[in-house]
Amino acid sequence: MSQSNMASPDDLRPEYDFSGAVRGKHHEQYRAGTNVVFLDSDVARVFKDSESVNRALRLLLDLAKNQLPPDRAA
């Protein structure tokens, strides 16, 4: 992208308010390899926090592992 196509800092829409923003707020988590996953609204209503999502996924992994033939177990 050329310099002429780049927006100037004053081109932000008035509804964008970054006055309370913190630069690098999630930087350490990102570097540690934390994954961010966006849940659909119907799923998010059931799973209120990371712990409940992780518990359900671990259960699903255990069930899937038990469905594999013994020579294909992961």
N, C-alpha and C. Protein backbone atom coordinates (compact mmCIF):
# COMPACT_ATOMS: atom_id res chain seq x y z
N MET A 1 0.85 -1.18 0.00
CA MET A 1 0.00 0.00 0.00
C MET A 1 0.90 1.24 0.00
N SER A 2 0.60 2.16 -0.87
CA SER A 2 1.42 3.36 -0.98
C SER A 2 1.06 4.35 0.12
N GLN A 3 1.96 5.28 0.33
CA GLN A 3 1.75 6.30 1.36
C GLN A 3 0.48 7.10 1.10
N SER A 4 0.15 7.32 -0.17
CA SER A 4 -1.01 8.15 -0.50
C SER A 4 -2.33 7.45 -0.15
N ASN A 5 -2.33 6.12 -0.10
CA ASN A 5 -3.55 5.37 0.21
C ASN A 5 -3.77 5.18 1.71
N MET A 6 -2.78 5.45 2.50
CA MET A 6 -2.90 5.24 3.94
C MET A 6 -3.69 6.37 4.58
N ALA A 7 -4.57 6.01 5.49
CA ALA A 7 -5.39 7.03 6.17
C ALA A 7 -4.54 7.77 7.19
N SER A 8 -4.83 9.04 7.36
CA SER A 8 -4.12 9.81 8.37
C SER A 8 -4.76 9.53 9.73
N PRO A 9 -4.05 9.79 10.82
CA PRO A 9 -4.59 9.52 12.16
C PRO A 9 -5.90 10.25 12.44
N ASP A 10 -6.17 11.33 11.72
CA ASP A 10 -7.38 12.11 11.95
C ASP A 10 -8.59 11.56 11.19
N ASP A 11 -8.41 10.45 10.47
CA ASP A 11 -9.50 9.90 9.66
C ASP A 11 -10.37 8.90 10.42
N LEU A 12 -10.15 8.72 11.70
CA LEU A 12 -10.98 7.81 12.48
C LEU A 12 -12.39 8.37 12.61
N ARG A 13 -13.33 7.47 12.58
CA ARG A 13 -14.71 7.90 12.77
C ARG A 13 -14.92 8.38 14.21
N PRO A 14 -15.82 9.31 14.42
CA PRO A 14 -16.05 9.85 15.76
C PRO A 14 -16.52 8.80 16.76
N GLU A 15 -17.19 7.73 16.28
CA GLU A 15 -17.70 6.72 17.21
C GLU A 15 -16.61 5.78 17.73
N TYR A 16 -15.42 5.84 17.14
CA TYR A 16 -14.30 5.03 17.63
C TYR A 16 -13.60 5.79 18.74
N ASP A 17 -13.73 5.29 19.95
CA ASP A 17 -13.12 5.97 21.10
C ASP A 17 -12.10 5.05 21.74
N PHE A 18 -10.83 5.35 21.53
CA PHE A 18 -9.75 4.56 22.09
C PHE A 18 -9.10 5.27 23.29
N SER A 19 -9.79 6.21 23.89
CA SER A 19 -9.20 6.99 24.98
C SER A 19 -8.87 6.12 26.19
N GLY A 20 -9.60 5.01 26.38
CA GLY A 20 -9.32 4.13 27.52
C GLY A 20 -8.52 2.90 27.14
N ALA A 21 -8.02 2.87 25.92
CA ALA A 21 -7.29 1.70 25.42
C ALA A 21 -5.93 1.56 26.10
N VAL A 22 -5.48 0.32 26.18
CA VAL A 22 -4.17 0.02 26.75
C VAL A 22 -3.36 -0.70 25.67
N ARG A 23 -2.26 -0.10 25.28
CA ARG A 23 -1.42 -0.70 24.24
C ARG A 23 -0.74 -1.96 24.77
N GLY A 24 -0.83 -3.04 24.01
CA GLY A 24 -0.15 -4.29 24.37
C GLY A 24 -0.80 -5.05 25.52
N LYS A 25 -2.06 -4.80 25.78
CA LYS A 25 -2.75 -5.41 26.92
C LYS A 25 -2.67 -6.94 26.90
N HIS A 26 -2.77 -7.54 25.74
CA HIS A 26 -2.77 -8.99 25.63
C HIS A 26 -1.49 -9.55 25.01
N HIS A 27 -0.47 -8.74 24.95
CA HIS A 27 0.77 -9.13 24.30
C HIS A 27 1.40 -10.36 24.94
N GLU A 28 1.50 -10.40 26.25
CA GLU A 28 2.13 -11.54 26.93
C GLU A 28 1.36 -12.83 26.71
N GLN A 29 0.02 -12.77 26.76
CA GLN A 29 -0.79 -13.96 26.50
C GLN A 29 -0.58 -14.44 25.06
N TYR A 30 -0.52 -13.52 24.14
CA TYR A 30 -0.30 -13.87 22.73
C TYR A 30 1.04 -14.57 22.56
N ARG A 31 2.07 -14.01 23.17
CA ARG A 31 3.40 -14.61 23.06
C ARG A 31 3.45 -15.98 23.72
N ALA A 32 2.64 -16.19 24.75
CA ALA A 32 2.62 -17.48 25.44
C ALA A 32 1.85 -18.53 24.64
N GLY A 33 1.22 -18.13 23.56
CA GLY A 33 0.52 -19.08 22.71
C GLY A 33 -0.94 -19.24 23.04
N THR A 34 -1.51 -18.30 23.75
CA THR A 34 -2.93 -18.37 24.07
C THR A 34 -3.74 -18.23 22.80
N ASN A 35 -4.74 -19.09 22.65
CA ASN A 35 -5.62 -19.02 21.49
C ASN A 35 -6.87 -18.25 21.84
N VAL A 36 -7.33 -17.46 20.91
CA VAL A 36 -8.58 -16.75 21.07
C VAL A 36 -9.58 -17.43 20.15
N VAL A 37 -10.70 -17.84 20.71
CA VAL A 37 -11.73 -18.52 19.95
C VAL A 37 -13.04 -17.76 20.13
N PHE A 38 -13.72 -17.50 19.05
CA PHE A 38 -15.00 -16.81 19.11
C PHE A 38 -16.12 -17.83 19.00
N LEU A 39 -16.98 -17.85 19.99
CA LEU A 39 -18.11 -18.77 20.01
C LEU A 39 -19.32 -18.11 19.38
N ASP A 40 -20.11 -18.90 18.69
CA ASP A 40 -21.39 -18.39 18.20
C ASP A 40 -22.27 -18.10 19.40
N SER A 41 -23.21 -17.21 19.23
CA SER A 41 -24.02 -16.75 20.37
C SER A 41 -24.79 -17.87 21.05
N ASP A 42 -25.29 -18.86 20.29
CA ASP A 42 -26.03 -19.95 20.92
C ASP A 42 -25.12 -20.82 21.78
N VAL A 43 -23.88 -21.00 21.35
CA VAL A 43 -22.92 -21.78 22.13
C VAL A 43 -22.47 -20.98 23.35
N ALA A 44 -22.25 -19.69 23.18
CA ALA A 44 -21.80 -18.84 24.28
C ALA A 44 -22.83 -18.77 25.40
N ARG A 45 -24.09 -18.92 25.08
CA ARG A 45 -25.13 -18.91 26.13
C ARG A 45 -25.00 -20.13 27.03
N VAL A 46 -24.49 -21.24 26.50
CA VAL A 46 -24.35 -22.48 27.27
C VAL A 46 -23.03 -22.50 28.03
N PHE A 47 -21.96 -22.07 27.37
CA PHE A 47 -20.62 -22.10 27.97
C PHE A 47 -20.24 -20.68 28.40
N LYS A 48 -20.31 -20.44 29.68
CA LYS A 48 -20.13 -19.08 30.21
C LYS A 48 -18.67 -18.68 30.42
N ASP A 49 -17.76 -19.70 30.49
CA ASP A 49 -16.36 -19.36 30.75
C ASP A 49 -15.44 -20.40 30.11
N SER A 50 -14.15 -20.13 30.13
CA SER A 50 -13.16 -21.01 29.52
C SER A 50 -13.16 -22.38 30.16
N GLU A 51 -13.34 -22.42 31.46
CA GLU A 51 -13.31 -23.71 32.17
C GLU A 51 -14.39 -24.65 31.65
N SER A 52 -15.61 -24.14 31.45
CA SER A 52 -16.69 -25.01 30.97
C SER A 52 -16.45 -25.46 29.53
N VAL A 53 -15.89 -24.60 28.71
CA VAL A 53 -15.58 -24.98 27.33
C VAL A 53 -14.49 -26.05 27.33
N ASN A 54 -13.43 -25.85 28.11
CA ASN A 54 -12.34 -26.82 28.17
C ASN A 54 -12.82 -28.17 28.69
N ARG A 55 -13.68 -28.16 29.69
CA ARG A 55 -14.22 -29.40 30.25
C ARG A 55 -15.00 -30.17 29.17
N ALA A 56 -15.84 -29.48 28.42
CA ALA A 56 -16.63 -30.12 27.38
C ALA A 56 -15.74 -30.65 26.26
N LEU A 57 -14.73 -29.89 25.87
CA LEU A 57 -13.84 -30.34 24.81
C LEU A 57 -13.01 -31.54 25.25
N ARG A 58 -12.57 -31.55 26.50
CA ARG A 58 -11.82 -32.72 27.00
C ARG A 58 -12.70 -33.96 27.03
N LEU A 59 -13.95 -33.80 27.40
CA LEU A 59 -14.87 -34.92 27.39
C LEU A 59 -15.05 -35.43 25.95
N LEU A 60 -15.20 -34.52 25.02
CA LEU A 60 -15.34 -34.90 23.62
C LEU A 60 -14.09 -35.63 23.13
N LEU A 61 -12.91 -35.15 23.52
CA LEU A 61 -11.67 -35.83 23.14
C LEU A 61 -11.61 -37.24 23.71
N ASP A 62 -11.99 -37.39 24.98
CA ASP A 62 -12.00 -38.72 25.60
C ASP A 62 -12.97 -39.65 24.88
N LEU A 63 -14.15 -39.16 24.54
CA LEU A 63 -15.13 -39.98 23.82
C LEU A 63 -14.60 -40.38 22.44
N ALA A 64 -13.99 -39.44 21.75
CA ALA A 64 -13.46 -39.73 20.42
C ALA A 64 -12.33 -40.74 20.51
N LYS A 65 -11.49 -40.61 21.52
CA LYS A 65 -10.37 -41.53 21.69
C LYS A 65 -10.87 -42.95 21.94
N ASN A 66 -11.97 -43.08 22.68
CA ASN A 66 -12.54 -44.40 22.96
C ASN A 66 -13.23 -45.01 21.74
N GLN A 67 -13.54 -44.21 20.74
CA GLN A 67 -14.20 -44.70 19.53
C GLN A 67 -13.20 -45.25 18.51
N LEU A 68 -11.93 -44.91 18.63
CA LEU A 68 -10.92 -45.38 17.69
C LEU A 68 -10.57 -46.83 17.96
N PRO A 69 -10.30 -47.61 16.92
CA PRO A 69 -9.81 -48.97 17.14
C PRO A 69 -8.47 -48.90 17.87
N PRO A 70 -8.10 -49.93 18.65
CA PRO A 70 -6.87 -49.89 19.44
C PRO A 70 -5.61 -49.58 18.65
N ASP A 71 -5.53 -50.03 17.39
CA ASP A 71 -4.32 -49.77 16.61
C ASP A 71 -4.26 -48.34 16.07
N ARG A 72 -5.34 -47.55 16.18
CA ARG A 72 -5.38 -46.18 15.69
C ARG A 72 -5.43 -45.15 16.82
N ALA A 73 -5.35 -45.60 18.07
CA ALA A 73 -5.46 -44.69 19.21
C ALA A 73 -4.36 -43.65 19.14
N ALA A 74 -4.73 -42.44 19.45
CA ALA A 74 -3.78 -41.32 19.40
C ALA A 74 -2.99 -41.22 20.68
